[in-house]
Amino acid sequence: MQDTARILVVDDEKDHAEAASEALRRIGYHVDTVYTSADALDALEQGPYDVVVTDLKLDGADGLAILREARKQSSGTQVIVLTGYPTVNSAVEAMQAGALTYLEKGAGLNITELRTVVKKAVERSLATKPRRTGDTWHLEGVIGESPSMRRLTRLVRAVAPTTATILIEGESGTGKELIAQAIHAGSPRASKPFVALNCAALSEGILESELFGHEKGSFTGALSGRKGRFEYADAGTLFLDEVGDMPLSTQVKLLRVLEYGEVFRVGSNEPIKVDVRLVAATNRQLEELIRNERFREDLYFRLKVVTLCLPPLREHREDIPLLVAAFLDEFSRTHGRKISGITPRACDILMRYRWPGNIRELKNCIESMVVVSPGGVLDVDDIPLHVHSGTQLALAAPKTAVPEAGALAGMTIKDAERKLIRSTLEETGGNRAEAAKMLGIGERTLYRKLDEYGLR
């Protein structure tokens, strides 16, 4: 991963610049070093860097100008700000401008801390690139670096070139169709059609017509003959989503297609040969459906030649920053918004939420934040309220301000939230700015909740 990352170090104190650069080169990164803001801007014009490490105070310009230019060149560039003169205001300004983090140089730079922060920055930056190789990977829009996602991608790469029928299991919103598309893209059938059909969205009669086609006059309204999805997907891949909702009578016909490679259009006795690679997906437990005689066991075993299990987002939260970076870049371009990043506080809240709707819900959340944000950098106040409510009790309030677990038993979420806010205000002596900081929410959000709960 490291040899693919380009890093720019900017510092007018040459000793500091060389020390930081050498520390990063020793662990395998490609590092360019410059000592003036003018040279930094020239370097950025030559092409985007994955990570920029810049001093806050430079000759002719401050590090924030470098930060803004780097983010302008590429929204995926991560910026780490260094300074020997730390203040709260400068730290806040750097974060609002899109800095990933803020490090003190002091008497000397902490090399271990720098390497750790740069490693995380590289991981975030690489998440926005269209393709990757080696340990860092990207499969047709599927993003992740966690162990569970790495295992998944190894399996996808192994099975994609084969003709095996595949069953994808996972909760709604985990990206089952993306995985199916990745399998198709990695197969010898990639130049042929990828055809998708949601089995839960159609009634039995319409589903059979969609799958197998129909002849003219085979039912009321059939004014002409029509190919089904199997015929359209001939020589390619057919993706059947929510296959657990397929009626039993249709399951029998699907089993025949898998066994004999031929379909019968509705209203016809003539078989039509098809060569289709089938990928099926479900968010239901098919074994339970079999026990309840709602799914055929023989079809189940034909579908699960290979089974891929997609983890819910709550089980690989470490991938959330990578997903956020990718979605932020996508929707900034889609909606024409100049959003350069997201603050660490906001990202932390997103990582604490359980995401019952999984990646789909996260994607919708980021699109909402991009649309409603006044611009610049996404922050806590841009996060939808339901996400705030879902993470309120897990936010980083001091232990002395958090009620005992027993005291929360039987409370509604709103009552518990009211109690948490009140106790935090008591802890800060009524200082609302400090309370908002301790709770991990924006001051505007706190003021709204003070009004809502009558705590002003």
Protein backbone atom coordinates (compact mmCIF):
# COMPACT_ATOMS: atom_id res chain seq x y z
CA MET A 1 0.00 0.00 0.00
CA GLN A 2 2.75 2.45 0.94
CA ASP A 3 4.56 2.42 -2.40
CA THR A 4 1.41 3.72 -4.10
CA ALA A 5 1.12 6.77 -1.83
CA ARG A 6 2.61 10.19 -2.69
CA ILE A 7 3.27 12.53 0.21
CA LEU A 8 4.24 16.22 0.20
CA VAL A 9 6.00 17.68 3.25
CA VAL A 10 5.95 21.51 3.53
CA ASP A 11 7.95 23.27 6.25
CA ASP A 12 10.19 26.35 6.13
CA GLU A 13 12.26 24.91 8.99
CA LYS A 14 14.50 22.62 6.95
CA ASP A 15 15.58 20.46 9.88
CA HIS A 16 11.95 19.69 10.73
CA ALA A 17 11.07 19.12 7.07
CA GLU A 18 13.95 16.70 6.48
CA ALA A 19 13.30 14.82 9.73
CA ALA A 20 9.62 14.28 8.84
CA SER A 21 10.41 13.33 5.25
CA GLU A 22 13.11 10.86 6.17
CA ALA A 23 10.89 9.25 8.83
CA LEU A 24 8.21 8.61 6.19
CA ARG A 25 10.64 7.46 3.49
CA ARG A 26 12.06 4.86 5.87
CA ILE A 27 8.69 3.09 6.01
CA GLY A 28 8.30 3.04 2.25
CA TYR A 29 6.43 6.17 1.20
CA HIS A 30 7.36 8.36 -1.77
CA VAL A 31 7.98 11.81 -0.23
CA ASP A 32 8.58 15.21 -1.86
CA THR A 33 9.92 17.97 0.37
CA VAL A 34 9.58 21.74 -0.15
CA TYR A 35 10.43 24.68 2.09
CA THR A 36 8.28 27.55 0.81
CA SER A 37 4.60 28.08 0.13
CA ALA A 38 5.35 29.00 -3.50
CA ASP A 39 7.17 25.70 -4.07
CA ALA A 40 4.33 23.85 -2.35
CA LEU A 41 1.74 25.40 -4.67
CA ASP A 42 3.93 24.56 -7.68
CA ALA A 43 4.25 20.96 -6.50
CA LEU A 44 0.48 20.65 -6.07
CA GLU A 45 -0.07 21.90 -9.62
CA GLN A 46 2.02 19.00 -10.94
CA GLY A 47 -0.57 16.51 -9.73
CA PRO A 48 -2.52 15.60 -6.59
CA TYR A 49 -0.83 14.03 -3.57
CA ASP A 50 -2.38 11.42 -1.34
CA VAL A 51 -1.26 13.23 1.82
CA VAL A 52 0.12 16.72 2.48
CA VAL A 53 1.96 17.42 5.75
CA THR A 54 2.28 21.20 6.12
CA ASP A 55 3.44 23.65 8.75
CA LEU A 56 0.78 26.16 9.74
CA LYS A 57 3.14 29.16 9.59
CA LEU A 58 5.05 29.61 6.33
CA ASP A 59 6.77 32.44 4.50
CA GLY A 60 4.42 34.35 2.24
CA ALA A 61 1.32 32.30 3.15
CA ASP A 62 -0.04 30.19 5.95
CA GLY A 63 -0.48 26.45 5.88
CA LEU A 64 -4.24 26.86 5.48
CA ALA A 65 -3.66 28.21 1.97
CA ILE A 66 -1.71 25.03 1.18
CA LEU A 67 -4.50 22.99 2.76
CA ARG A 68 -7.21 24.64 0.65
CA GLU A 69 -5.22 24.31 -2.57
CA ALA A 70 -4.49 20.64 -1.89
CA ARG A 71 -8.16 19.90 -1.26
CA LYS A 72 -9.09 21.93 -4.34
CA GLN A 73 -6.78 19.83 -6.50
CA SER A 74 -8.27 16.59 -5.15
CA SER A 75 -10.99 16.03 -2.56
CA GLY A 76 -9.25 12.76 -1.70
CA THR A 77 -6.04 14.49 -0.55
CA GLN A 78 -5.66 14.31 3.22
CA VAL A 79 -3.91 17.22 4.97
CA ILE A 80 -2.07 17.06 8.29
CA VAL A 81 -1.26 20.44 9.85
CA LEU A 82 1.86 20.92 12.00
CA THR A 83 2.66 23.87 14.24
CA GLY A 84 5.02 24.90 16.98
CA TYR A 85 2.50 27.41 18.34
CA PRO A 86 -0.77 25.58 18.96
CA THR A 87 -3.93 27.48 19.88
CA VAL A 88 -7.55 26.41 20.07
CA ASN A 89 -8.56 28.90 17.36
CA SER A 90 -5.92 27.71 14.91
CA ALA A 91 -6.85 24.08 15.51
CA VAL A 92 -10.55 24.79 14.91
CA GLU A 93 -9.78 26.80 11.77
CA ALA A 94 -7.61 24.01 10.37
CA MET A 95 -10.29 21.39 11.00
CA GLN A 96 -13.01 23.55 9.48
CA ALA A 97 -10.84 24.02 6.38
CA GLY A 98 -10.67 20.25 5.97
CA ALA A 99 -7.53 19.14 7.80
CA LEU A 100 -7.53 15.50 8.86
CA THR A 101 -5.72 16.27 12.10
CA TYR A 102 -3.46 18.77 13.86
CA LEU A 103 -0.05 17.88 15.37
CA GLU A 104 2.28 19.88 17.61
CA LYS A 105 5.96 20.10 16.69
CA GLY A 106 7.05 21.47 20.04
CA ALA A 107 10.75 20.96 20.70
CA GLY A 108 10.73 18.11 18.21
CA LEU A 109 8.32 16.13 16.09
CA ASN A 110 6.98 12.88 17.51
CA ILE A 111 7.99 10.51 14.69
CA THR A 112 5.88 7.58 15.90
CA GLU A 113 2.77 9.75 16.09
CA LEU A 114 3.49 11.22 12.65
CA ARG A 115 3.84 7.79 11.05
CA THR A 116 0.61 6.57 12.66
CA VAL A 117 -1.37 9.60 11.52
CA VAL A 118 0.08 9.48 8.00
CA LYS A 119 -0.81 5.78 7.70
CA LYS A 120 -4.45 6.56 8.53
CA ALA A 121 -4.40 9.50 6.12
CA VAL A 122 -3.09 7.30 3.30
CA GLU A 123 -5.86 4.77 3.93
CA ARG A 124 -8.50 7.49 3.69
CA SER A 125 -6.97 8.96 0.55
CA LEU A 126 -6.71 5.64 -1.25
CA ALA A 127 -10.39 5.00 -0.56
CA THR A 128 -11.32 7.69 -3.11
CA LYS A 129 -9.20 6.32 -5.95
CA PRO A 130 -10.97 4.47 -8.76
CA ARG A 131 -8.69 1.41 -8.73
CA ARG A 132 -6.17 -0.17 -6.42
CA THR A 133 -3.94 -3.18 -6.40
CA GLY A 134 -2.27 -5.35 -3.79
CA ASP A 135 -3.62 -5.22 -0.27
CA THR A 136 -5.63 -2.06 -0.92
CA TRP A 137 -8.49 -2.97 -3.20
CA HIS A 138 -11.51 -1.66 -4.99
CA LEU A 139 -14.01 -3.93 -6.77
CA GLU A 140 -16.38 -2.07 -9.04
CA GLY A 141 -17.56 0.39 -6.37
CA VAL A 142 -17.15 -1.91 -3.34
CA ILE A 143 -14.99 -0.14 -0.74
CA GLY A 144 -13.44 -1.58 2.40
CA GLU A 145 -10.18 -2.31 4.20
CA SER A 146 -11.47 -4.26 7.22
CA PRO A 147 -10.58 -7.96 7.66
CA SER A 148 -14.14 -9.07 6.85
CA MET A 149 -14.22 -7.03 3.63
CA ARG A 150 -10.75 -8.27 2.65
CA ARG A 151 -11.93 -11.86 3.07
CA LEU A 152 -14.99 -11.07 0.98
CA THR A 153 -12.99 -9.56 -1.85
CA ARG A 154 -10.60 -12.53 -1.91
CA LEU A 155 -13.60 -14.83 -2.34
CA VAL A 156 -15.10 -12.60 -5.05
CA ARG A 157 -11.84 -12.62 -6.97
CA ALA A 158 -11.61 -16.39 -6.63
CA VAL A 159 -15.14 -17.19 -7.82
CA ALA A 160 -15.65 -14.45 -10.43
CA PRO A 161 -13.74 -16.21 -13.26
CA THR A 162 -15.72 -19.44 -12.77
CA THR A 163 -19.22 -20.40 -13.91
CA ALA A 164 -20.40 -21.38 -10.40
CA THR A 165 -23.85 -20.31 -9.22
CA ILE A 166 -23.50 -17.97 -6.25
CA LEU A 167 -25.76 -17.12 -3.32
CA ILE A 168 -25.12 -13.76 -1.61
CA GLU A 169 -26.49 -13.42 1.91
CA GLY A 170 -26.73 -10.19 3.87
CA GLU A 171 -29.01 -7.61 5.42
CA SER A 172 -30.72 -5.00 3.27
CA GLY A 173 -28.39 -2.22 2.26
CA THR A 174 -25.13 -4.17 2.56
CA GLY A 175 -24.37 -3.97 -1.16
CA LYS A 176 -25.44 -7.36 -2.52
CA GLU A 177 -26.04 -6.08 -6.04
CA LEU A 178 -22.65 -4.33 -6.07
CA ILE A 179 -21.01 -7.65 -5.25
CA ALA A 180 -23.00 -9.33 -8.02
CA GLN A 181 -21.83 -6.66 -10.46
CA ALA A 182 -18.23 -7.14 -9.30
CA ILE A 183 -18.53 -10.89 -9.92
CA HIS A 184 -19.86 -10.22 -13.42
CA ALA A 185 -17.13 -7.64 -14.14
CA GLY A 186 -14.43 -10.11 -13.10
CA SER A 187 -15.80 -12.96 -15.19
CA PRO A 188 -15.25 -13.95 -18.86
CA ARG A 189 -18.87 -12.76 -19.36
CA ALA A 190 -18.02 -9.14 -18.52
CA SER A 191 -18.70 -7.93 -22.08
CA LYS A 192 -22.14 -9.59 -22.07
CA PRO A 193 -25.33 -8.37 -20.33
CA PHE A 194 -25.71 -8.05 -16.56
CA VAL A 195 -29.47 -8.33 -15.90
CA ALA A 196 -31.02 -7.76 -12.47
CA LEU A 197 -34.50 -8.59 -11.14
CA ASN A 198 -35.99 -8.09 -7.67
CA CYS A 199 -38.17 -11.13 -6.94
CA ALA A 200 -39.96 -9.42 -4.03
CA ALA A 201 -41.28 -6.56 -6.15
CA LEU A 202 -43.51 -8.60 -8.48
CA SER A 203 -46.61 -10.78 -8.22
CA GLU A 204 -46.34 -14.45 -9.19
CA GLY A 205 -47.76 -14.08 -12.71
CA ILE A 206 -45.70 -11.02 -13.58
CA LEU A 207 -42.55 -12.57 -12.08
CA GLU A 208 -42.81 -15.64 -14.32
CA SER A 209 -43.34 -13.46 -17.37
CA GLU A 210 -40.35 -11.31 -16.42
CA LEU A 211 -38.13 -14.34 -15.87
CA PHE A 212 -39.14 -16.62 -18.71
CA GLY A 213 -40.95 -14.34 -21.19
CA HIS A 214 -44.37 -14.93 -22.75
CA GLU A 215 -46.04 -15.56 -26.08
CA LYS A 216 -48.61 -13.34 -27.74
CA GLY A 217 -52.09 -14.00 -26.36
CA SER A 218 -50.84 -16.14 -23.45
CA PHE A 219 -52.78 -13.93 -21.01
CA THR A 220 -54.96 -10.83 -21.07
CA GLY A 221 -52.89 -7.91 -22.22
CA ALA A 222 -50.18 -10.01 -23.92
CA LEU A 223 -50.49 -8.24 -27.26
CA SER A 224 -47.12 -9.50 -28.49
CA GLY A 225 -44.43 -12.00 -27.58
CA ARG A 226 -41.70 -10.90 -25.18
CA LYS A 227 -38.31 -12.16 -24.09
CA GLY A 228 -37.77 -12.85 -20.39
CA ARG A 229 -34.75 -11.89 -18.28
CA PHE A 230 -33.10 -15.27 -18.89
CA GLU A 231 -33.10 -14.66 -22.64
CA TYR A 232 -31.85 -11.10 -22.23
CA ALA A 233 -29.03 -12.36 -20.00
CA ASP A 234 -27.98 -15.10 -22.45
CA ALA A 235 -24.16 -15.50 -22.35
CA GLY A 236 -24.11 -13.03 -19.43
CA THR A 237 -25.15 -12.89 -15.77
CA LEU A 238 -28.62 -12.84 -14.22
CA PHE A 239 -28.91 -11.41 -10.71
CA LEU A 240 -32.02 -12.43 -8.76
CA ASP A 241 -32.40 -10.26 -5.68
CA GLU A 242 -34.55 -11.32 -2.69
CA VAL A 243 -34.87 -14.85 -4.08
CA GLY A 244 -36.36 -15.97 -0.75
CA ASP A 245 -39.59 -14.15 -1.71
CA MET A 246 -40.05 -16.19 -4.90
CA PRO A 247 -43.31 -18.22 -4.97
CA LEU A 248 -42.93 -22.01 -4.76
CA SER A 249 -44.42 -22.57 -8.21
CA THR A 250 -41.83 -20.24 -9.74
CA GLN A 251 -39.07 -21.95 -7.75
CA VAL A 252 -39.88 -25.23 -9.54
CA LYS A 253 -39.45 -23.58 -12.94
CA LEU A 254 -36.24 -21.85 -11.87
CA LEU A 255 -34.83 -25.19 -10.72
CA ARG A 256 -35.52 -26.66 -14.14
CA VAL A 257 -33.65 -23.82 -15.85
CA LEU A 258 -30.64 -24.44 -13.61
CA GLU A 259 -30.73 -28.19 -14.30
CA TYR A 260 -31.37 -28.19 -18.05
CA GLY A 261 -30.32 -24.74 -19.26
CA GLU A 262 -33.59 -24.04 -21.03
CA VAL A 263 -36.67 -21.87 -20.45
CA PHE A 264 -40.29 -22.11 -21.55
CA ARG A 265 -42.02 -18.84 -22.24
CA VAL A 266 -45.44 -18.47 -20.64
CA GLY A 267 -47.94 -19.91 -23.15
CA SER A 268 -45.35 -21.97 -25.06
CA ASN A 269 -44.26 -25.61 -25.06
CA GLU A 270 -41.06 -24.93 -27.01
CA PRO A 271 -37.85 -24.87 -24.94
CA ILE A 272 -35.36 -22.06 -25.51
CA LYS A 273 -31.72 -22.82 -24.71
CA VAL A 274 -29.97 -20.23 -22.53
CA ASP A 275 -26.43 -19.92 -21.19
CA VAL A 276 -26.71 -17.80 -18.05
CA ARG A 277 -24.52 -17.44 -14.97
CA LEU A 278 -26.93 -17.07 -12.02
CA VAL A 279 -26.18 -14.98 -8.92
CA ALA A 280 -28.94 -14.91 -6.30
CA ALA A 281 -29.23 -12.80 -3.15
CA THR A 282 -31.36 -12.84 -0.02
CA ASN A 283 -31.72 -10.95 3.26
CA ARG A 284 -33.74 -13.83 4.73
CA GLN A 285 -32.71 -17.08 6.35
CA LEU A 286 -33.43 -19.63 3.62
CA GLU A 287 -32.92 -22.56 6.01
CA GLU A 288 -35.82 -21.28 8.12
CA LEU A 289 -37.97 -20.87 5.01
CA ILE A 290 -37.17 -24.49 4.09
CA ARG A 291 -38.29 -25.67 7.54
CA ASN A 292 -41.53 -23.75 7.06
CA GLU A 293 -41.94 -25.31 3.58
CA ARG A 294 -41.73 -21.91 1.89
CA PHE A 295 -38.52 -22.58 -0.03
CA ARG A 296 -37.42 -25.70 -1.88
CA GLU A 297 -34.43 -27.47 -0.39
CA ASP A 298 -33.26 -28.79 -3.77
CA LEU A 299 -33.26 -25.25 -5.21
CA TYR A 300 -31.40 -24.00 -2.15
CA PHE A 301 -28.53 -26.40 -2.74
CA ARG A 302 -28.43 -25.53 -6.45
CA LEU A 303 -28.14 -21.84 -5.60
CA LYS A 304 -25.49 -22.11 -2.88
CA VAL A 305 -22.68 -23.72 -4.83
CA VAL A 306 -20.71 -20.79 -3.41
CA THR A 307 -22.10 -18.63 -0.58
CA LEU A 308 -20.87 -15.09 0.09
CA CYS A 309 -21.92 -13.51 3.39
CA LEU A 310 -21.90 -9.70 3.50
CA PRO A 311 -21.31 -8.27 6.99
CA PRO A 312 -23.59 -5.52 8.30
CA LEU A 313 -21.88 -2.13 8.51
CA ARG A 314 -21.93 -2.18 12.32
CA GLU A 315 -19.51 -5.14 12.17
CA HIS A 316 -16.91 -3.31 10.08
CA ARG A 317 -17.16 0.26 11.35
CA GLU A 318 -13.49 0.86 10.51
CA ASP A 319 -14.56 1.11 6.87
CA ILE A 320 -16.90 4.04 7.55
CA PRO A 321 -14.28 6.79 6.98
CA LEU A 322 -13.38 5.22 3.62
CA LEU A 323 -17.03 5.00 2.59
CA VAL A 324 -17.69 8.56 3.76
CA ALA A 325 -14.76 9.87 1.70
CA ALA A 326 -15.99 8.08 -1.42
CA PHE A 327 -19.63 9.18 -1.00
CA LEU A 328 -18.59 12.74 -0.20
CA ASP A 329 -16.57 12.94 -3.40
CA GLU A 330 -19.39 11.38 -5.44
CA PHE A 331 -22.16 13.66 -4.19
CA SER A 332 -20.03 16.81 -4.23
CA ARG A 333 -19.66 16.25 -7.97
CA THR A 334 -23.26 15.15 -8.48
CA HIS A 335 -24.77 18.19 -6.76
CA GLY A 336 -22.09 20.69 -7.76
CA ARG A 337 -21.12 21.44 -4.15
CA LYS A 338 -17.65 22.48 -3.06
CA ILE A 339 -17.30 20.20 -0.06
CA SER A 340 -13.66 19.45 0.73
CA GLY A 341 -14.02 17.05 3.65
CA ILE A 342 -15.59 16.20 6.99
CA THR A 343 -14.47 17.12 10.48
CA PRO A 344 -13.13 14.39 12.78
CA ARG A 345 -15.93 15.10 15.29
CA ALA A 346 -18.60 14.51 12.67
CA CYS A 347 -16.87 11.39 11.41
CA ASP A 348 -16.66 10.09 14.97
CA ILE A 349 -20.43 10.45 15.39
CA LEU A 350 -21.02 8.57 12.15
CA MET A 351 -18.80 5.75 13.39
CA ARG A 352 -20.78 5.45 16.64
CA TYR A 353 -24.17 5.05 14.95
CA ARG A 354 -25.42 1.47 14.37
CA TRP A 355 -26.60 2.01 10.76
CA PRO A 356 -29.58 -0.38 10.67
CA GLY A 357 -29.90 0.42 6.96
CA ASN A 358 -26.21 -0.38 6.46
CA ILE A 359 -24.20 1.14 3.60
CA ARG A 360 -27.33 2.33 1.79
CA GLU A 361 -28.36 4.36 4.84
CA LEU A 362 -24.85 5.81 5.22
CA LYS A 363 -24.82 6.78 1.54
CA ASN A 364 -28.19 8.53 1.88
CA CYS A 365 -26.95 10.28 5.02
CA ILE A 366 -23.85 11.66 3.29
CA GLU A 367 -25.90 12.83 0.31
CA SER A 368 -28.24 14.66 2.70
CA MET A 369 -25.28 16.27 4.49
CA VAL A 370 -23.71 17.40 1.20
CA VAL A 371 -27.01 18.92 0.04
CA VAL A 372 -27.82 20.82 3.26
CA SER A 373 -24.29 21.91 4.16
CA PRO A 374 -23.55 25.61 3.57
CA GLY A 375 -20.25 24.47 2.01
CA GLY A 376 -16.62 23.94 2.90
CA VAL A 377 -16.41 21.04 5.33
CA LEU A 378 -19.17 18.76 6.63
CA ASP A 379 -19.56 19.17 10.38
CA VAL A 380 -21.64 17.90 13.28
CA ASP A 381 -24.54 20.25 12.59
CA ASP A 382 -24.96 18.79 9.09
CA ILE A 383 -25.65 15.28 10.44
CA PRO A 384 -29.34 14.25 10.30
CA LEU A 385 -31.05 14.42 13.68
CA HIS A 386 -31.98 10.72 13.78
CA VAL A 387 -28.26 9.83 13.59
CA HIS A 388 -27.54 12.23 16.47
CA SER A 389 -30.34 10.67 18.51
CA GLY A 390 -29.02 7.19 17.82
CA THR A 391 -25.54 8.03 19.10
CA GLN A 392 -26.30 10.51 21.87
CA LEU A 393 -25.66 8.20 24.82
CA ALA A 394 -22.43 6.89 23.31
CA LEU A 395 -20.84 10.30 22.73
CA ALA A 396 -17.66 11.30 24.48
CA ALA A 397 -19.05 13.00 27.56
CA PRO A 398 -16.93 12.78 30.74
CA LYS A 399 -17.65 9.82 32.99
CA THR A 400 -18.72 12.11 35.83
CA ALA A 401 -21.37 13.59 33.58
CA VAL A 402 -22.85 10.30 32.37
CA PRO A 403 -25.68 8.88 34.48
CA GLU A 404 -25.25 5.43 35.95
CA ALA A 405 -26.62 2.67 33.72
CA GLY A 406 -29.18 1.72 36.35
CA ALA A 407 -30.48 5.29 36.41
CA LEU A 408 -31.26 5.04 32.68
CA ALA A 409 -33.26 1.81 32.92
CA GLY A 410 -36.84 2.28 31.81
CA MET A 411 -36.20 5.72 30.31
CA THR A 412 -37.05 6.68 26.78
CA ILE A 413 -34.17 7.82 24.56
CA LYS A 414 -35.38 11.41 24.86
CA ASP A 415 -35.53 11.26 28.67
CA ALA A 416 -32.03 9.78 28.79
CA GLU A 417 -30.77 12.43 26.38
CA ARG A 418 -32.33 15.19 28.50
CA LYS A 419 -30.66 13.77 31.60
CA LEU A 420 -27.30 13.53 29.84
CA ILE A 421 -27.45 17.13 28.61
CA ARG A 422 -28.54 18.43 32.03
CA SER A 423 -25.74 16.59 33.86
CA THR A 424 -23.15 17.79 31.34
CA LEU A 425 -24.31 21.41 31.77
CA GLU A 426 -23.99 20.98 35.53
CA GLU A 427 -20.48 19.61 35.02
CA THR A 428 -19.48 22.67 32.96
CA GLY A 429 -21.15 25.17 35.27
CA GLY A 430 -23.64 26.11 32.56
CA ASN A 431 -20.98 26.77 29.90
CA ARG A 432 -22.86 25.77 26.76
CA ALA A 433 -19.88 25.90 24.41
CA GLU A 434 -17.92 23.55 26.66
CA ALA A 435 -20.94 21.28 27.14
CA ALA A 436 -21.42 20.97 23.38
CA LYS A 437 -17.74 20.09 23.00
CA MET A 438 -17.92 17.45 25.75
CA LEU A 439 -21.08 15.95 24.22
CA GLY A 440 -19.50 15.87 20.78
CA ILE A 441 -22.26 17.94 19.15
CA GLY A 442 -22.39 21.42 17.61
CA GLU A 443 -23.53 24.40 19.62
CA ARG A 444 -26.49 24.94 17.29
CA THR A 445 -27.58 21.36 17.90
CA LEU A 446 -27.25 21.86 21.67
CA TYR A 447 -29.32 25.07 21.55
CA ARG A 448 -32.08 23.28 19.62
CA LYS A 449 -32.14 20.51 22.21
CA LEU A 450 -32.16 23.00 25.10
CA ASP A 451 -35.32 24.48 23.60
CA GLU A 452 -36.79 21.06 22.87
CA TYR A 453 -36.27 19.85 26.43
CA GLY A 454 -36.99 23.15 28.19
CA LEU A 455 -33.47 23.38 29.62
CA ARG A 456 -32.61 26.97 28.73
